[in-house]
Amino acid sequence: MLLGVKRVYEKRELADGKRILVDRLWPRGVKRSTQNLDDWMRDVAPSDELRKWFAHDPEKWEEFKKRYKEELRGNKKFYELVDMARKSDITLVYSATDTEHNNAVALSEFVQEAIG
């Protein structure tokens, strides 16, 4: 199992496996008919309130992850994602410019914890 994380604007590679957009909002400049994505799981993205509060502020990163993880508790789509990651290679795709402090990085960490 490979669990990758990439910006939506990066070129698709064979090693990516299934590419899943995990943002609540559709990324700017990306056509919805793109072959660059296999699925859009907006229900695993942080709530609008949490996303706006965080605003990609690195000083809020640890608190963001704590709140985001709490939002995912009991989220059926999150557990579907965990199940997908157990069965095949997937890449979590996001549009944020900050490559270290974004929901896909946090989500990858949560999925890996759930898999064990």
C-alpha atoms as a PDB file:
ATOM      1  CA  MET A   1       0.000   0.000   0.000  1.00  0.00           C
ATOM      2  CA  LEU A   2       1.261   3.418  -0.990  1.00  0.00           C
ATOM      3  CA  LEU A   3      -0.368   6.505   0.488  1.00  0.00           C
ATOM      4  CA  GLY A   4       0.888   9.606  -1.270  1.00  0.00           C
ATOM      5  CA  VAL A   5       0.097  13.316  -1.054  1.00  0.00           C
ATOM      6  CA  LYS A   6       0.357  15.713  -4.026  1.00  0.00           C
ATOM      7  CA  ARG A   7      -0.862  19.066  -5.238  1.00  0.00           C
ATOM      8  CA  VAL A   8      -3.609  18.796  -7.819  1.00  0.00           C
ATOM      9  CA  TYR A   9      -1.458  20.790 -10.261  1.00  0.00           C
ATOM     10  CA  GLU A  10       1.318  18.168 -10.255  1.00  0.00           C
ATOM     11  CA  LYS A  11       1.532  15.731 -13.134  1.00  0.00           C
ATOM     12  CA  ARG A  12      -0.081  12.336 -12.646  1.00  0.00           C
ATOM     13  CA  GLU A  13       2.360   9.438 -12.365  1.00  0.00           C
ATOM     14  CA  LEU A  14       1.796   5.691 -12.591  1.00  0.00           C
ATOM     15  CA  ALA A  15       2.912   5.224  -8.983  1.00  0.00           C
ATOM     16  CA  ASP A  16       0.116   7.540  -7.773  1.00  0.00           C
ATOM     17  CA  GLY A  17      -2.512   4.837  -7.907  1.00  0.00           C
ATOM     18  CA  LYS A  18      -5.996   6.247  -7.430  1.00  0.00           C
ATOM     19  CA  ARG A  19      -5.873  10.058  -7.129  1.00  0.00           C
ATOM     20  CA  ILE A  20      -8.474  11.420  -4.726  1.00  0.00           C
ATOM     21  CA  LEU A  21      -9.157  15.132  -4.301  1.00  0.00           C
ATOM     22  CA  VAL A  22      -9.709  15.778  -0.579  1.00  0.00           C
ATOM     23  CA  ASP A  23     -10.563  19.498  -0.630  1.00  0.00           C
ATOM     24  CA  ARG A  24     -14.051  20.812   0.115  1.00  0.00           C
ATOM     25  CA  LEU A  25     -13.780  23.362  -2.715  1.00  0.00           C
ATOM     26  CA  TRP A  26     -12.952  22.532  -6.329  1.00  0.00           C
ATOM     27  CA  PRO A  27      -9.453  23.845  -7.183  1.00  0.00           C
ATOM     28  CA  ARG A  28      -9.071  26.947  -9.321  1.00  0.00           C
ATOM     29  CA  GLY A  29      -8.024  26.388 -12.894  1.00  0.00           C
ATOM     30  CA  VAL A  30      -8.801  22.655 -12.920  1.00  0.00           C
ATOM     31  CA  LYS A  31     -11.529  21.429 -15.264  1.00  0.00           C
ATOM     32  CA  ARG A  32     -14.065  19.124 -13.667  1.00  0.00           C
ATOM     33  CA  SER A  33     -13.668  16.775 -16.619  1.00  0.00           C
ATOM     34  CA  THR A  34      -9.966  16.316 -15.873  1.00  0.00           C
ATOM     35  CA  GLN A  35      -8.415  12.880 -16.188  1.00  0.00           C
ATOM     36  CA  ASN A  36      -5.979  13.904 -13.459  1.00  0.00           C
ATOM     37  CA  LEU A  37      -8.401  12.808 -10.675  1.00  0.00           C
ATOM     38  CA  ASP A  38     -10.250   9.577  -9.995  1.00  0.00           C
ATOM     39  CA  ASP A  39     -12.524  10.724  -7.193  1.00  0.00           C
ATOM     40  CA  TRP A  40     -13.502  13.781  -5.161  1.00  0.00           C
ATOM     41  CA  MET A  41     -14.143  13.049  -1.484  1.00  0.00           C
ATOM     42  CA  ARG A  42     -15.176  16.485  -0.265  1.00  0.00           C
ATOM     43  CA  ASP A  43     -16.818  14.974   2.832  1.00  0.00           C
ATOM     44  CA  VAL A  44     -13.404  14.117   4.321  1.00  0.00           C
ATOM     45  CA  ALA A  45     -12.227  17.717   4.026  1.00  0.00           C
ATOM     46  CA  PRO A  46     -12.274  20.026   7.058  1.00  0.00           C
ATOM     47  CA  SER A  47     -15.465  21.993   7.648  1.00  0.00           C
ATOM     48  CA  ASP A  48     -15.625  25.494   6.191  1.00  0.00           C
ATOM     49  CA  GLU A  49     -15.384  26.912   9.706  1.00  0.00           C
ATOM     50  CA  LEU A  50     -12.229  24.958  10.536  1.00  0.00           C
ATOM     51  CA  ARG A  51     -10.648  25.665   7.149  1.00  0.00           C
ATOM     52  CA  LYS A  52     -11.236  29.405   7.516  1.00  0.00           C
ATOM     53  CA  TRP A  53     -10.002  29.433  11.127  1.00  0.00           C
ATOM     54  CA  PHE A  54      -6.781  27.618  10.199  1.00  0.00           C
ATOM     55  CA  ALA A  55      -6.032  29.702   7.083  1.00  0.00           C
ATOM     56  CA  HIS A  56      -2.806  27.671   6.621  1.00  0.00           C
ATOM     57  CA  ASP A  57      -1.181  29.366   9.600  1.00  0.00           C
ATOM     58  CA  PRO A  58       1.723  27.097  10.670  1.00  0.00           C
ATOM     59  CA  GLU A  59       1.341  28.307  14.270  1.00  0.00           C
ATOM     60  CA  LYS A  60      -2.171  26.778  14.323  1.00  0.00           C
ATOM     61  CA  TRP A  61      -1.059  23.473  12.735  1.00  0.00           C
ATOM     62  CA  GLU A  62      -1.166  21.223  15.815  1.00  0.00           C
ATOM     63  CA  GLU A  63      -4.517  22.600  16.964  1.00  0.00           C
ATOM     64  CA  PHE A  64      -5.860  22.311  13.416  1.00  0.00           C
ATOM     65  CA  LYS A  65      -4.917  18.615  13.288  1.00  0.00           C
ATOM     66  CA  LYS A  66      -6.564  18.014  16.665  1.00  0.00           C
ATOM     67  CA  ARG A  67      -9.812  19.704  15.596  1.00  0.00           C
ATOM     68  CA  TYR A  68      -9.782  18.082  12.160  1.00  0.00           C
ATOM     69  CA  LYS A  69      -9.286  14.620  13.628  1.00  0.00           C
ATOM     70  CA  GLU A  70     -12.248  15.246  15.926  1.00  0.00           C
ATOM     71  CA  GLU A  71     -14.391  16.244  12.933  1.00  0.00           C
ATOM     72  CA  LEU A  72     -13.533  12.951  11.234  1.00  0.00           C
ATOM     73  CA  ARG A  73     -14.649  10.861  14.213  1.00  0.00           C
ATOM     74  CA  GLY A  74     -17.653   8.867  13.000  1.00  0.00           C
ATOM     75  CA  ASN A  75     -17.336  10.156   9.401  1.00  0.00           C
ATOM     76  CA  LYS A  76     -18.311   7.259   7.094  1.00  0.00           C
ATOM     77  CA  LYS A  77     -16.374   8.698   4.162  1.00  0.00           C
ATOM     78  CA  PHE A  78     -13.187   8.766   6.239  1.00  0.00           C
ATOM     79  CA  TYR A  79     -13.544   5.055   6.959  1.00  0.00           C
ATOM     80  CA  GLU A  80     -14.217   4.388   3.263  1.00  0.00           C
ATOM     81  CA  LEU A  81     -10.948   6.179   2.516  1.00  0.00           C
ATOM     82  CA  VAL A  82      -9.117   4.067   5.113  1.00  0.00           C
ATOM     83  CA  ASP A  83     -10.547   0.926   3.522  1.00  0.00           C
ATOM     84  CA  MET A  84      -9.444   2.084   0.054  1.00  0.00           C
ATOM     85  CA  ALA A  85      -5.935   2.741   1.361  1.00  0.00           C
ATOM     86  CA  ARG A  86      -5.777  -0.785   2.803  1.00  0.00           C
ATOM     87  CA  LYS A  87      -6.644  -2.305  -0.581  1.00  0.00           C
ATOM     88  CA  SER A  88      -4.692  -0.212  -3.084  1.00  0.00           C
ATOM     89  CA  ASP A  89      -2.277   2.621  -3.730  1.00  0.00           C
ATOM     90  CA  ILE A  90      -3.852   6.052  -3.407  1.00  0.00           C
ATOM     91  CA  THR A  91      -2.685   9.640  -3.557  1.00  0.00           C
ATOM     92  CA  LEU A  92      -4.491  12.331  -1.608  1.00  0.00           C
ATOM     93  CA  VAL A  93      -4.673  15.417  -3.797  1.00  0.00           C
ATOM     94  CA  TYR A  94      -5.046  19.017  -2.573  1.00  0.00           C
ATOM     95  CA  SER A  95      -4.756  22.531  -3.983  1.00  0.00           C
ATOM     96  CA  ALA A  96      -3.154  24.540  -1.150  1.00  0.00           C
ATOM     97  CA  THR A  97       0.181  26.210  -1.856  1.00  0.00           C
ATOM     98  CA  ASP A  98       1.574  25.216   1.565  1.00  0.00           C
ATOM     99  CA  THR A  99       2.912  21.700   1.018  1.00  0.00           C
ATOM    100  CA  GLU A 100       3.566  20.999   4.713  1.00  0.00           C
ATOM    101  CA  HIS A 101       0.509  22.421   6.475  1.00  0.00           C
ATOM    102  CA  ASN A 102      -2.640  21.342   4.661  1.00  0.00           C
ATOM    103  CA  ASN A 103      -5.574  19.005   5.158  1.00  0.00           C
ATOM    104  CA  ALA A 104      -4.197  16.281   2.847  1.00  0.00           C
ATOM    105  CA  VAL A 105      -0.996  15.988   4.901  1.00  0.00           C
ATOM    106  CA  ALA A 106      -3.040  15.743   8.107  1.00  0.00           C
ATOM    107  CA  LEU A 107      -5.512  13.310   6.517  1.00  0.00           C
ATOM    108  CA  SER A 108      -2.650  11.087   5.342  1.00  0.00           C
ATOM    109  CA  GLU A 109      -1.388  10.943   8.915  1.00  0.00           C
ATOM    110  CA  PHE A 110      -4.864  10.023  10.212  1.00  0.00           C
ATOM    111  CA  VAL A 111      -5.330   7.291   7.576  1.00  0.00           C
ATOM    112  CA  GLN A 112      -1.949   5.774   8.393  1.00  0.00           C
ATOM    113  CA  GLU A 113      -2.846   5.764  12.108  1.00  0.00           C
ATOM    114  CA  ALA A 114      -6.173   4.054  11.354  1.00  0.00           C
ATOM    115  CA  ILE A 115      -4.488   1.373   9.261  1.00  0.00           C
ATOM    116  CA  GLY A 116      -1.986   0.716  12.024  1.00  0.00           C
END
